[in-house]
C-alpha atoms as a PDB file:
ATOM      1  CA  UNK A   1     -11.990  11.319   6.296  1.00  0.00           C
ATOM      2  CA  UNK A   2     -12.808  11.262   2.587  1.00  0.00           C
ATOM      3  CA  UNK A   3     -10.727  13.361   0.194  1.00  0.00           C
ATOM      4  CA  UNK A   4     -11.409  14.670  -3.310  1.00  0.00           C
ATOM      5  CA  UNK A   5     -10.357  12.501  -6.204  1.00  0.00           C
ATOM      6  CA  UNK A   6      -6.701  12.687  -7.155  1.00  0.00           C
ATOM      7  CA  UNK A   7      -5.867  14.253 -10.560  1.00  0.00           C
ATOM      8  CA  UNK A   8      -5.370  10.857 -12.228  1.00  0.00           C
ATOM      9  CA  UNK A   9      -8.578   9.241 -10.920  1.00  0.00           C
ATOM     10  CA  UNK A  10     -11.514  10.815 -12.853  1.00  0.00           C
ATOM     11  CA  UNK A  11     -11.308   8.171 -15.613  1.00  0.00           C
ATOM     12  CA  UNK A  12     -11.565   5.359 -13.050  1.00  0.00           C
ATOM     13  CA  UNK A  13     -14.434   7.192 -11.368  1.00  0.00           C
ATOM     14  CA  UNK A  14     -16.312   7.487 -14.661  1.00  0.00           C
ATOM     15  CA  UNK A  15     -15.774   3.758 -15.247  1.00  0.00           C
ATOM     16  CA  UNK A  16     -17.258   2.869 -11.861  1.00  0.00           C
ATOM     17  CA  UNK A  17     -20.161   5.302 -12.275  1.00  0.00           C
ATOM     18  CA  UNK A  18     -21.264   3.389 -15.361  1.00  0.00           C
ATOM     19  CA  UNK A  19     -22.407   0.723 -12.886  1.00  0.00           C
ATOM     20  CA  UNK A  20     -24.713   3.090 -10.989  1.00  0.00           C
ATOM     21  CA  UNK A  21     -27.874   1.636 -12.459  1.00  0.00           C
ATOM     22  CA  UNK A  22     -27.073  -1.798 -11.104  1.00  0.00           C
ATOM     23  CA  UNK A  23     -24.203  -1.537  -8.686  1.00  0.00           C
ATOM     24  CA  UNK A  24     -22.457  -4.853  -7.887  1.00  0.00           C
ATOM     25  CA  UNK A  25     -22.526  -6.195  -4.333  1.00  0.00           C
ATOM     26  CA  UNK A  26     -18.701  -6.448  -4.341  1.00  0.00           C
ATOM     27  CA  UNK A  27     -16.186  -4.239  -6.119  1.00  0.00           C
ATOM     28  CA  UNK A  28     -12.445  -4.959  -6.175  1.00  0.00           C
ATOM     29  CA  UNK A  29     -10.111  -2.012  -6.780  1.00  0.00           C
ATOM     30  CA  UNK A  30      -6.677  -3.368  -7.622  1.00  0.00           C
ATOM     31  CA  UNK A  31      -3.348  -2.009  -8.794  1.00  0.00           C
ATOM     32  CA  UNK A  32       0.121  -0.984  -7.558  1.00  0.00           C
ATOM     33  CA  UNK A  33       0.561   0.147  -3.984  1.00  0.00           C
ATOM     34  CA  UNK A  34       0.755   3.871  -3.307  1.00  0.00           C
ATOM     35  CA  UNK A  35      -1.455   5.234  -6.115  1.00  0.00           C
ATOM     36  CA  UNK A  36      -4.501   6.186  -4.017  1.00  0.00           C
ATOM     37  CA  UNK A  37      -6.797   3.156  -4.359  1.00  0.00           C
ATOM     38  CA  UNK A  38      -7.935   3.284  -0.727  1.00  0.00           C
ATOM     39  CA  UNK A  39      -8.561   7.011  -0.998  1.00  0.00           C
ATOM     40  CA  UNK A  40     -10.636   6.306  -4.123  1.00  0.00           C
ATOM     41  CA  UNK A  41     -12.508   3.555  -2.253  1.00  0.00           C
ATOM     42  CA  UNK A  42     -13.335   5.936   0.615  1.00  0.00           C
ATOM     43  CA  UNK A  43     -14.661   8.531  -1.828  1.00  0.00           C
ATOM     44  CA  UNK A  44     -16.779   5.855  -3.495  1.00  0.00           C
ATOM     45  CA  UNK A  45     -18.119   4.644  -0.132  1.00  0.00           C
ATOM     46  CA  UNK A  46     -19.114   8.203   0.733  1.00  0.00           C
ATOM     47  CA  UNK A  47     -20.808   8.613  -2.648  1.00  0.00           C
ATOM     48  CA  UNK A  48     -22.836   5.426  -2.150  1.00  0.00           C
ATOM     49  CA  UNK A  49     -24.088   6.756   1.192  1.00  0.00           C
ATOM     50  CA  UNK A  50     -24.551  10.386   0.132  1.00  0.00           C
ATOM     51  CA  UNK A  51     -28.169  11.605   0.159  1.00  0.00           C
ATOM     52  CA  UNK A  52     -27.653  14.290  -2.511  1.00  0.00           C
ATOM     53  CA  UNK A  53     -25.014  12.953  -4.948  1.00  0.00           C
ATOM     54  CA  UNK A  54     -23.859  15.241  -7.738  1.00  0.00           C
ATOM     55  CA  UNK A  55     -24.528  14.600 -11.414  1.00  0.00           C
ATOM     56  CA  UNK A  56     -21.219  12.762 -11.871  1.00  0.00           C
ATOM     57  CA  UNK A  57     -21.909  10.569  -8.845  1.00  0.00           C
ATOM     58  CA  UNK A  58     -19.552  12.443  -6.516  1.00  0.00           C
ATOM     59  CA  UNK A  59     -20.755  12.958  -2.923  1.00  0.00           C
ATOM     60  CA  UNK A  60     -22.113  16.413  -2.115  1.00  0.00           C
ATOM     61  CA  UNK A  61     -19.980  16.851   1.054  1.00  0.00           C
ATOM     62  CA  UNK A  62     -22.792  18.869   2.694  1.00  0.00           C
ATOM     63  CA  UNK A  63     -25.636  16.466   3.537  1.00  0.00           C
ATOM     64  CA  UNK A  64     -26.072  14.817   6.924  1.00  0.00           C
ATOM     65  CA  UNK A  65     -24.694  11.496   5.625  1.00  0.00           C
ATOM     66  CA  UNK A  66     -21.529  13.170   4.298  1.00  0.00           C
ATOM     67  CA  UNK A  67     -21.072  14.931   7.633  1.00  0.00           C
ATOM     68  CA  UNK A  68     -21.279  11.636   9.486  1.00  0.00           C
ATOM     69  CA  UNK A  69     -18.919  10.017   7.010  1.00  0.00           C
ATOM     70  CA  UNK A  70     -16.317  12.745   7.480  1.00  0.00           C
ATOM     71  CA  UNK A  71     -16.257  11.962  11.216  1.00  0.00           C
ATOM     72  CA  UNK A  72     -16.197   8.175  10.744  1.00  0.00           C
ATOM     73  CA  UNK A  73     -19.609   8.140  12.393  1.00  0.00           C
ATOM     74  CA  UNK A  74     -21.938   6.973   9.613  1.00  0.00           C
ATOM     75  CA  UNK A  75     -24.018   4.115  11.060  1.00  0.00           C
ATOM     76  CA  UNK A  76     -24.154   2.318   7.697  1.00  0.00           C
ATOM     77  CA  UNK A  77     -20.410   2.291   7.042  1.00  0.00           C
ATOM     78  CA  UNK A  78     -17.632   0.052   8.282  1.00  0.00           C
ATOM     79  CA  UNK A  79     -13.944  -0.066   7.434  1.00  0.00           C
ATOM     80  CA  UNK A  80     -12.042  -3.308   7.953  1.00  0.00           C
ATOM     81  CA  UNK A  81      -8.251  -3.296   8.001  1.00  0.00           C
ATOM     82  CA  UNK A  82      -5.385  -4.751  10.046  1.00  0.00           C
ATOM     83  CA  UNK A  83      -4.750  -3.416  13.543  1.00  0.00           C
ATOM     84  CA  UNK A  84      -1.320  -2.092  12.579  1.00  0.00           C
ATOM     85  CA  UNK A  85      -2.938   0.255  10.061  1.00  0.00           C
ATOM     86  CA  UNK A  86      -5.367   1.484  12.707  1.00  0.00           C
ATOM     87  CA  UNK A  87      -2.387   2.334  14.921  1.00  0.00           C
ATOM     88  CA  UNK A  88      -0.543   4.060  12.095  1.00  0.00           C
ATOM     89  CA  UNK A  89      -3.568   6.202  11.206  1.00  0.00           C
ATOM     90  CA  UNK A  90      -3.735   7.833  14.638  1.00  0.00           C
ATOM     91  CA  UNK A  91      -7.394   8.714  14.088  1.00  0.00           C
ATOM     92  CA  UNK A  92      -9.257   8.996  17.402  1.00  0.00           C
ATOM     93  CA  UNK A  93     -12.658   8.177  15.922  1.00  0.00           C
ATOM     94  CA  UNK A  94     -11.316   5.112  14.177  1.00  0.00           C
ATOM     95  CA  UNK A  95      -9.391   4.059  17.251  1.00  0.00           C
ATOM     96  CA  UNK A  96     -12.660   3.960  19.172  1.00  0.00           C
ATOM     97  CA  UNK A  97     -14.396   2.031  16.424  1.00  0.00           C
ATOM     98  CA  UNK A  98     -11.571  -0.454  15.954  1.00  0.00           C
ATOM     99  CA  UNK A  99     -10.920  -3.288  18.353  1.00  0.00           C
ATOM    100  CA  UNK A 100      -7.547  -2.437  19.926  1.00  0.00           C
ATOM    101  CA  UNK A 101      -4.713  -4.891  20.229  1.00  0.00           C
ATOM    102  CA  UNK A 102      -4.175  -6.387  23.658  1.00  0.00           C
ATOM    103  CA  UNK A 103      -1.728  -4.507  25.838  1.00  0.00           C
ATOM    104  CA  UNK A 104       1.843  -5.593  25.345  1.00  0.00           C
ATOM    105  CA  UNK A 105       1.131  -7.358  22.026  1.00  0.00           C
ATOM    106  CA  UNK A 106       2.234  -6.257  18.584  1.00  0.00           C
ATOM    107  CA  UNK A 107      -0.628  -5.021  16.437  1.00  0.00           C
ATOM    108  CA  UNK A 108      -1.657  -7.638  13.885  1.00  0.00           C
ATOM    109  CA  UNK A 109      -0.852  -7.185  10.200  1.00  0.00           C
ATOM    110  CA  UNK A 110      -3.656  -9.541   9.239  1.00  0.00           C
ATOM    111  CA  UNK A 111      -7.393  -9.106   8.883  1.00  0.00           C
ATOM    112  CA  UNK A 112      -8.671 -11.708  11.319  1.00  0.00           C
ATOM    113  CA  UNK A 113     -11.792 -13.848  11.510  1.00  0.00           C
ATOM    114  CA  UNK A 114     -13.076 -11.787  14.462  1.00  0.00           C
ATOM    115  CA  UNK A 115     -13.177  -8.682  12.272  1.00  0.00           C
ATOM    116  CA  UNK A 116     -15.254 -10.449   9.618  1.00  0.00           C
ATOM    117  CA  UNK A 117     -17.578 -11.958  12.187  1.00  0.00           C
ATOM    118  CA  UNK A 118     -18.066  -8.531  13.749  1.00  0.00           C
ATOM    119  CA  UNK A 119     -19.770  -7.467  10.507  1.00  0.00           C
ATOM    120  CA  UNK A 120     -22.599  -9.912  11.231  1.00  0.00           C
ATOM    121  CA  UNK A 121     -24.575  -7.631  13.527  1.00  0.00           C
ATOM    122  CA  UNK A 122     -23.933  -4.689  11.209  1.00  0.00           C
ATOM    123  CA  UNK A 123     -25.308  -6.509   8.162  1.00  0.00           C
ATOM    124  CA  UNK A 124     -28.267  -8.209   9.812  1.00  0.00           C
ATOM    125  CA  UNK A 125     -30.159  -5.103  10.890  1.00  0.00           C
ATOM    126  CA  UNK A 126     -31.989  -2.537   8.793  1.00  0.00           C
ATOM    127  CA  UNK A 127     -29.996   0.393   7.482  1.00  0.00           C
ATOM    128  CA  UNK A 128     -30.363   3.571   9.495  1.00  0.00           C
ATOM    129  CA  UNK A 129     -31.041   5.834   6.512  1.00  0.00           C
ATOM    130  CA  UNK A 130     -33.075   3.386   4.394  1.00  0.00           C
ATOM    131  CA  UNK A 131     -30.281   3.242   1.850  1.00  0.00           C
ATOM    132  CA  UNK A 132     -27.205   1.136   1.375  1.00  0.00           C
ATOM    133  CA  UNK A 133     -24.670  -0.110   3.871  1.00  0.00           C
ATOM    134  CA  UNK A 134     -21.038  -0.109   2.755  1.00  0.00           C
ATOM    135  CA  UNK A 135     -17.991  -2.083   3.899  1.00  0.00           C
ATOM    136  CA  UNK A 136     -14.508  -0.963   2.809  1.00  0.00           C
ATOM    137  CA  UNK A 137     -11.877  -3.689   3.292  1.00  0.00           C
ATOM    138  CA  UNK A 138      -8.197  -3.066   2.662  1.00  0.00           C
ATOM    139  CA  UNK A 139      -5.722  -4.370   1.867  1.00  0.00           C
ATOM    140  CA  UNK A 140      -7.666  -7.472   0.862  1.00  0.00           C
ATOM    141  CA  UNK A 141      -4.514  -9.608   0.725  1.00  0.00           C
ATOM    142  CA  UNK A 142      -4.146  -9.079   4.491  1.00  0.00           C
ATOM    143  CA  UNK A 143      -7.067 -11.474   5.040  1.00  0.00           C
ATOM    144  CA  UNK A 144      -5.757 -14.620   6.693  1.00  0.00           C
ATOM    145  CA  UNK A 145      -7.045 -17.950   5.409  1.00  0.00           C
ATOM    146  CA  UNK A 146      -9.836 -18.300   7.986  1.00  0.00           C
ATOM    147  CA  UNK A 147     -11.020 -14.720   7.474  1.00  0.00           C
ATOM    148  CA  UNK A 148     -10.920 -15.208   3.691  1.00  0.00           C
ATOM    149  CA  UNK A 149     -13.261 -18.169   3.906  1.00  0.00           C
ATOM    150  CA  UNK A 150     -15.612 -16.288   6.226  1.00  0.00           C
ATOM    151  CA  UNK A 151     -15.734 -13.351   3.820  1.00  0.00           C
ATOM    152  CA  UNK A 152     -16.317 -15.723   0.916  1.00  0.00           C
ATOM    153  CA  UNK A 153     -19.461 -17.084   2.576  1.00  0.00           C
ATOM    154  CA  UNK A 154     -20.779 -13.542   2.900  1.00  0.00           C
ATOM    155  CA  UNK A 155     -19.996 -12.719  -0.734  1.00  0.00           C
ATOM    156  CA  UNK A 156     -21.721 -15.917  -1.862  1.00  0.00           C
ATOM    157  CA  UNK A 157     -24.924 -14.875  -0.097  1.00  0.00           C
ATOM    158  CA  UNK A 158     -24.652 -11.072   0.130  1.00  0.00           C
ATOM    159  CA  UNK A 159     -27.109  -9.280   2.429  1.00  0.00           C
ATOM    160  CA  UNK A 160     -29.522  -6.936   0.639  1.00  0.00           C
ATOM    161  CA  UNK A 161     -28.502  -3.319   0.073  1.00  0.00           C
ATOM    162  CA  UNK A 162     -24.898  -4.061   1.056  1.00  0.00           C
ATOM    163  CA  UNK A 163     -21.834  -3.142  -0.999  1.00  0.00           C
ATOM    164  CA  UNK A 164     -18.337  -4.458  -0.286  1.00  0.00           C
ATOM    165  CA  UNK A 165     -15.438  -2.401  -1.625  1.00  0.00           C
ATOM    166  CA  UNK A 166     -12.220  -4.421  -1.533  1.00  0.00           C
ATOM    167  CA  UNK A 167      -8.855  -2.781  -2.211  1.00  0.00           C
ATOM    168  CA  UNK A 168      -5.846  -4.884  -3.166  1.00  0.00           C
ATOM    169  CA  UNK A 169      -2.217  -4.236  -4.056  1.00  0.00           C
ATOM    170  CA  UNK A 170      -1.775  -7.849  -5.196  1.00  0.00           C
ATOM    171  CA  UNK A 171      -4.836  -9.780  -6.366  1.00  0.00           C
ATOM    172  CA  UNK A 172      -2.702 -12.886  -6.959  1.00  0.00           C
ATOM    173  CA  UNK A 173      -2.740 -13.362  -3.175  1.00  0.00           C
ATOM    174  CA  UNK A 174      -6.555 -13.500  -3.011  1.00  0.00           C
ATOM    175  CA  UNK A 175      -8.652 -16.635  -3.216  1.00  0.00           C
ATOM    176  CA  UNK A 176      -9.828 -17.253  -6.800  1.00  0.00           C
ATOM    177  CA  UNK A 177     -13.327 -17.760  -5.401  1.00  0.00           C
ATOM    178  CA  UNK A 178     -13.265 -14.263  -3.880  1.00  0.00           C
ATOM    179  CA  UNK A 179     -12.048 -12.806  -7.168  1.00  0.00           C
ATOM    180  CA  UNK A 180     -14.864 -14.521  -9.042  1.00  0.00           C
ATOM    181  CA  UNK A 181     -17.476 -12.842  -6.831  1.00  0.00           C
ATOM    182  CA  UNK A 182     -16.171  -9.292  -7.283  1.00  0.00           C
ATOM    183  CA  UNK A 183     -16.445  -6.814 -10.111  1.00  0.00           C
ATOM    184  CA  UNK A 184     -12.792  -5.968 -10.745  1.00  0.00           C
ATOM    185  CA  UNK A 185     -11.667  -2.397 -11.454  1.00  0.00           C
ATOM    186  CA  UNK A 186      -7.976  -2.145 -12.430  1.00  0.00           C
ATOM    187  CA  UNK A 187      -6.146   1.041 -11.461  1.00  0.00           C
ATOM    188  CA  UNK A 188      -2.712   1.585 -12.990  1.00  0.00           C
ATOM    189  CA  UNK A 189       0.199   3.890 -12.252  1.00  0.00           C
ATOM    190  CA  UNK A 190      -0.659   7.503 -13.084  1.00  0.00           C
ATOM    191  CA  UNK A 191       1.113   9.525 -15.741  1.00  0.00           C
ATOM    192  CA  UNK A 192       4.526  10.687 -14.483  1.00  0.00           C
ATOM    193  CA  UNK A 193       3.840  14.337 -15.306  1.00  0.00           C
ATOM    194  CA  UNK A 194       0.588  14.284 -13.317  1.00  0.00           C
ATOM    195  CA  UNK A 195       2.327  12.608 -10.401  1.00  0.00           C
ATOM    196  CA  UNK A 196       5.199  15.101 -10.390  1.00  0.00           C
ATOM    197  CA  UNK A 197       2.852  18.081 -10.594  1.00  0.00           C
ATOM    198  CA  UNK A 198       0.831  16.732  -7.674  1.00  0.00           C
ATOM    199  CA  UNK A 199       3.910  16.001  -5.551  1.00  0.00           C
ATOM    200  CA  UNK A 200       5.293  19.486  -6.178  1.00  0.00           C
ATOM    201  CA  UNK A 201       1.920  20.946  -5.209  1.00  0.00           C
ATOM    202  CA  UNK A 202       2.273  19.078  -1.897  1.00  0.00           C
ATOM    203  CA  UNK A 203       5.609  20.819  -1.369  1.00  0.00           C
ATOM    204  CA  UNK A 204       7.803  17.737  -1.898  1.00  0.00           C
ATOM    205  CA  UNK A 205      11.414  18.738  -2.670  1.00  0.00           C
ATOM    206  CA  UNK A 206      13.271  16.683  -5.305  1.00  0.00           C
ATOM    207  CA  UNK A 207       9.959  15.116  -6.332  1.00  0.00           C
ATOM    208  CA  UNK A 208      11.540  13.384  -9.336  1.00  0.00           C
ATOM    209  CA  UNK A 209      13.852  11.287  -7.149  1.00  0.00           C
ATOM    210  CA  UNK A 210      11.177  10.360  -4.632  1.00  0.00           C
ATOM    211  CA  UNK A 211       8.777   9.337  -7.397  1.00  0.00           C
ATOM    212  CA  UNK A 212      11.386   7.209  -9.164  1.00  0.00           C
ATOM    213  CA  UNK A 213      12.443   5.511  -5.911  1.00  0.00           C
ATOM    214  CA  UNK A 214       8.821   4.502  -5.305  1.00  0.00           C
ATOM    215  CA  UNK A 215       8.397   3.070  -8.784  1.00  0.00           C
ATOM    216  CA  UNK A 216       6.137   5.889  -9.974  1.00  0.00           C
ATOM    217  CA  UNK A 217       3.625   5.635  -7.095  1.00  0.00           C
ATOM    218  CA  UNK A 218       2.916   9.242  -5.995  1.00  0.00           C
ATOM    219  CA  UNK A 219       1.269   8.605  -2.606  1.00  0.00           C
ATOM    220  CA  UNK A 220       4.071   6.227  -1.656  1.00  0.00           C
ATOM    221  CA  UNK A 221       6.555   8.914  -2.720  1.00  0.00           C
ATOM    222  CA  UNK A 222       4.796  11.509  -0.549  1.00  0.00           C
ATOM    223  CA  UNK A 223       4.770   9.184   2.465  1.00  0.00           C
ATOM    224  CA  UNK A 224       8.466   8.391   2.069  1.00  0.00           C
ATOM    225  CA  UNK A 225       9.376  12.049   1.577  1.00  0.00           C
ATOM    226  CA  UNK A 226       7.541  12.984   4.767  1.00  0.00           C
ATOM    227  CA  UNK A 227       9.119  10.160   6.756  1.00  0.00           C
ATOM    228  CA  UNK A 228      12.477  11.901   7.102  1.00  0.00           C
ATOM    229  CA  UNK A 229      14.328   8.946   5.576  1.00  0.00           C
ATOM    230  CA  UNK A 230      16.420  10.872   3.032  1.00  0.00           C
ATOM    231  CA  UNK A 231      19.630  10.776   5.081  1.00  0.00           C
ATOM    232  CA  UNK A 232      19.322   7.017   5.641  1.00  0.00           C
ATOM    233  CA  UNK A 233      18.573   6.305   1.969  1.00  0.00           C
ATOM    234  CA  UNK A 234      21.528   8.402   0.822  1.00  0.00           C
ATOM    235  CA  UNK A 235      23.860   6.629   3.277  1.00  0.00           C
ATOM    236  CA  UNK A 236      22.777   3.253   1.916  1.00  0.00           C
ATOM    237  CA  UNK A 237      23.038   4.317  -1.724  1.00  0.00           C
ATOM    238  CA  UNK A 238      26.520   5.742  -1.165  1.00  0.00           C
ATOM    239  CA  UNK A 239      27.667   2.318   0.039  1.00  0.00           C
ATOM    240  CA  UNK A 240      25.821   0.396  -2.686  1.00  0.00           C
ATOM    241  CA  UNK A 241      27.432   2.602  -5.331  1.00  0.00           C
ATOM    242  CA  UNK A 242      30.929   1.944  -3.912  1.00  0.00           C
ATOM    243  CA  UNK A 243      30.686  -1.413  -2.113  1.00  0.00           C
ATOM    244  CA  UNK A 244      33.418  -2.589   0.267  1.00  0.00           C
ATOM    245  CA  UNK A 245      33.476  -4.693   3.414  1.00  0.00           C
ATOM    246  CA  UNK A 246      34.701  -1.872   5.671  1.00  0.00           C
ATOM    247  CA  UNK A 247      32.074   0.600   4.447  1.00  0.00           C
ATOM    248  CA  UNK A 248      29.416  -2.086   4.871  1.00  0.00           C
ATOM    249  CA  UNK A 249      30.096  -2.143   8.604  1.00  0.00           C
ATOM    250  CA  UNK A 250      30.152   1.645   8.871  1.00  0.00           C
ATOM    251  CA  UNK A 251      26.923   1.946   6.883  1.00  0.00           C
ATOM    252  CA  UNK A 252      25.189  -0.672   9.036  1.00  0.00           C
ATOM    253  CA  UNK A 253      26.192   1.341  12.084  1.00  0.00           C
ATOM    254  CA  UNK A 254      24.642   4.479  10.564  1.00  0.00           C
ATOM    255  CA  UNK A 255      21.449   2.603   9.676  1.00  0.00           C
ATOM    256  CA  UNK A 256      20.952   0.634  12.885  1.00  0.00           C
ATOM    257  CA  UNK A 257      18.032   2.865  13.959  1.00  0.00           C
ATOM    258  CA  UNK A 258      16.364   2.592  10.547  1.00  0.00           C
ATOM    259  CA  UNK A 259      13.664  -0.053  10.125  1.00  0.00           C
ATOM    260  CA  UNK A 260      15.354  -3.147   8.640  1.00  0.00           C
ATOM    261  CA  UNK A 261      12.294  -3.693   6.419  1.00  0.00           C
ATOM    262  CA  UNK A 262      12.912  -0.279   4.827  1.00  0.00           C
ATOM    263  CA  UNK A 263      16.603  -0.988   4.257  1.00  0.00           C
ATOM    264  CA  UNK A 264      15.674  -4.328   2.702  1.00  0.00           C
ATOM    265  CA  UNK A 265      13.211  -2.662   0.316  1.00  0.00           C
ATOM    266  CA  UNK A 266      15.735  -0.023  -0.762  1.00  0.00           C
ATOM    267  CA  UNK A 267      18.366  -2.721  -1.414  1.00  0.00           C
ATOM    268  CA  UNK A 268      15.881  -4.844  -3.378  1.00  0.00           C
ATOM    269  CA  UNK A 269      15.157  -1.902  -5.677  1.00  0.00           C
ATOM    270  CA  UNK A 270      18.870  -1.257  -6.207  1.00  0.00           C
ATOM    271  CA  UNK A 271      19.420  -4.907  -7.122  1.00  0.00           C
ATOM    272  CA  UNK A 272      16.452  -4.761  -9.492  1.00  0.00           C
ATOM    273  CA  UNK A 273      18.095  -1.791 -11.253  1.00  0.00           C
ATOM    274  CA  UNK A 274      21.388  -3.684 -11.489  1.00  0.00           C
ATOM    275  CA  UNK A 275      19.660  -6.646 -13.141  1.00  0.00           C
ATOM    276  CA  UNK A 276      17.620  -4.419 -15.411  1.00  0.00           C
ATOM    277  CA  UNK A 277      20.636  -2.431 -16.586  1.00  0.00           C
ATOM    278  CA  UNK A 278      22.717  -5.577 -17.077  1.00  0.00           C
ATOM    279  CA  UNK A 279      20.147  -7.319 -19.273  1.00  0.00           C
ATOM    280  CA  UNK A 280      18.068  -4.539 -20.844  1.00  0.00           C
ATOM    281  CA  UNK A 281      19.935  -1.287 -20.277  1.00  0.00           C
ATOM    282  CA  UNK A 282      16.942   0.220 -18.453  1.00  0.00           C
ATOM    283  CA  UNK A 283      16.830   1.755 -15.005  1.00  0.00           C
ATOM    284  CA  UNK A 284      13.736   2.392 -12.894  1.00  0.00           C
ATOM    285  CA  UNK A 285      14.332   3.333  -9.270  1.00  0.00           C
ATOM    286  CA  UNK A 286      17.643   5.192  -9.052  1.00  0.00           C
ATOM    287  CA  UNK A 287      18.266   7.132 -12.295  1.00  0.00           C
ATOM    288  CA  UNK A 288      20.513   9.567 -10.408  1.00  0.00           C
ATOM    289  CA  UNK A 289      22.959   6.692  -9.964  1.00  0.00           C
ATOM    290  CA  UNK A 290      22.946   5.640 -13.601  1.00  0.00           C
ATOM    291  CA  UNK A 291      26.722   5.934 -14.030  1.00  0.00           C
ATOM    292  CA  UNK A 292      27.500   3.929 -10.878  1.00  0.00           C
ATOM    293  CA  UNK A 293      24.925   1.244 -11.670  1.00  0.00           C
ATOM    294  CA  UNK A 294      26.225   0.887 -15.234  1.00  0.00           C
ATOM    295  CA  UNK A 295      29.745   0.334 -13.899  1.00  0.00           C
ATOM    296  CA  UNK A 296      28.639  -2.170 -11.258  1.00  0.00           C
ATOM    297  CA  UNK A 297      26.438  -4.082 -13.710  1.00  0.00           C
ATOM    298  CA  UNK A 298      29.398  -4.580 -16.046  1.00  0.00           C
ATOM    299  CA  UNK A 299      31.475  -5.997 -13.167  1.00  0.00           C
ATOM    300  CA  UNK A 300      28.886  -8.233 -11.554  1.00  0.00           C
ATOM    301  CA  UNK A 301      28.393 -11.913 -12.251  1.00  0.00           C
ATOM    302  CA  UNK A 302      24.701 -12.582 -12.963  1.00  0.00           C
ATOM    303  CA  UNK A 303      24.610 -15.736 -10.830  1.00  0.00           C
ATOM    304  CA  UNK A 304      26.108 -13.952  -7.837  1.00  0.00           C
ATOM    305  CA  UNK A 305      23.649 -11.086  -8.223  1.00  0.00           C
ATOM    306  CA  UNK A 306      20.780 -13.545  -8.375  1.00  0.00           C
ATOM    307  CA  UNK A 307      22.008 -15.284  -5.234  1.00  0.00           C
ATOM    308  CA  UNK A 308      22.211 -11.995  -3.333  1.00  0.00           C
ATOM    309  CA  UNK A 309      18.749 -10.982  -4.515  1.00  0.00           C
ATOM    310  CA  UNK A 310      17.355 -14.310  -3.302  1.00  0.00           C
ATOM    311  CA  UNK A 311      19.044 -13.824   0.078  1.00  0.00           C
ATOM    312  CA  UNK A 312      17.564 -10.329   0.403  1.00  0.00           C
ATOM    313  CA  UNK A 313      14.124 -11.625  -0.577  1.00  0.00           C
ATOM    314  CA  UNK A 314      14.374 -14.398   2.026  1.00  0.00           C
ATOM    315  CA  UNK A 315      15.444 -11.879   4.670  1.00  0.00           C
ATOM    316  CA  UNK A 316      12.410  -9.728   3.891  1.00  0.00           C
ATOM    317  CA  UNK A 317      10.259 -12.344   5.624  1.00  0.00           C
ATOM    318  CA  UNK A 318      11.969 -11.660   8.976  1.00  0.00           C
ATOM    319  CA  UNK A 319      12.911  -8.007   8.436  1.00  0.00           C
ATOM    320  CA  UNK A 320      10.134  -6.701  10.671  1.00  0.00           C
ATOM    321  CA  UNK A 321      11.455  -8.491  13.744  1.00  0.00           C
ATOM    322  CA  UNK A 322      15.173  -9.316  13.453  1.00  0.00           C
ATOM    323  CA  UNK A 323      17.057 -10.339  16.573  1.00  0.00           C
ATOM    324  CA  UNK A 324      19.504  -7.468  16.001  1.00  0.00           C
ATOM    325  CA  UNK A 325      18.791  -4.731  13.462  1.00  0.00           C
ATOM    326  CA  UNK A 326      22.461  -3.793  13.139  1.00  0.00           C
ATOM    327  CA  UNK A 327      23.660  -7.366  12.533  1.00  0.00           C
ATOM    328  CA  UNK A 328      20.777  -7.966  10.135  1.00  0.00           C
ATOM    329  CA  UNK A 329      21.790  -4.968   8.012  1.00  0.00           C
ATOM    330  CA  UNK A 330      25.496  -5.821   8.285  1.00  0.00           C
ATOM    331  CA  UNK A 331      24.920  -9.317   6.887  1.00  0.00           C
ATOM    332  CA  UNK A 332      22.935  -7.988   3.930  1.00  0.00           C
ATOM    333  CA  UNK A 333      25.501  -5.356   3.026  1.00  0.00           C
ATOM    334  CA  UNK A 334      28.448  -7.727   3.403  1.00  0.00           C
ATOM    335  CA  UNK A 335      26.756 -10.278   1.144  1.00  0.00           C
ATOM    336  CA  UNK A 336      26.175  -7.532  -1.412  1.00  0.00           C
ATOM    337  CA  UNK A 337      29.799  -6.339  -1.190  1.00  0.00           C
ATOM    338  CA  UNK A 338      31.185  -9.813  -1.911  1.00  0.00           C
ATOM    339  CA  UNK A 339      29.666  -9.694  -5.431  1.00  0.00           C
ATOM    340  CA  UNK A 340      32.123  -6.918  -6.322  1.00  0.00           C
ATOM    341  CA  UNK A 341      35.110  -8.022  -4.227  1.00  0.00           C
END
């Protein structure tokens, strides 16, 4: 369940270990998505429960507590996350521990009040190993408003020997009162060379492109590379590089089995590169298409580009459940094509 620290995480680990003498009751790990914050949080949770921690604070991986942790069976540990992440994980032990979604209903993307209330019994009994109890909650911005207020009450009056580890990709979406009750640990994007070396060690082909397309986030790049989406991404980029109404329809047909939310994200990044090149000459996500983006940026009207970007952003809110995936993608690509008509 827990994994060793990633190559770019020892400095963050050393920063957190400076708190060992008086560990805060709530720690907030925050930074860009896809850099390994949750993995770091799991390693930290294991270390806090380990019965024979190493000199640098790392868990020993051999004691009884570490064995339980590896099987998601430690009685003093709970992980709280949305139901849709439980489904995606496919972990049998976690599936038993998590409350499943009702049959026929879509798994929730929120952390609900019931999940926070369920921690009550866990926190109000003595710890099994006479040590700490640990709660890992991620992503913290998935807390709905009712659950946020329930968690806030717990953080205001924390139970003894209890540590909350919150992980967030966007702390601006958290209640200021929750932020004020957590010790914040920022985690930034890793060095590009470290990320590329790690991705290549995982056997990722064309690691440079995957890393750039995910904004420098190596775990996000690995996930995308393993998803089998390369053909779909290349089909979309081919159209975006040479936009036309007829190719928009053909491309939408090719992409109709691709998740509309993914297509929306890829298009948003392309539009960001267009804006960036037009106004600063810099490109972030698609450096392989530098020549095409330069040419399109010189042709595009800034106001039209801004309007299309706003439309794509608005569509992102319904991209997970469009009435028709094909029509949804068609509309986006046709709107984009009109900028260069």
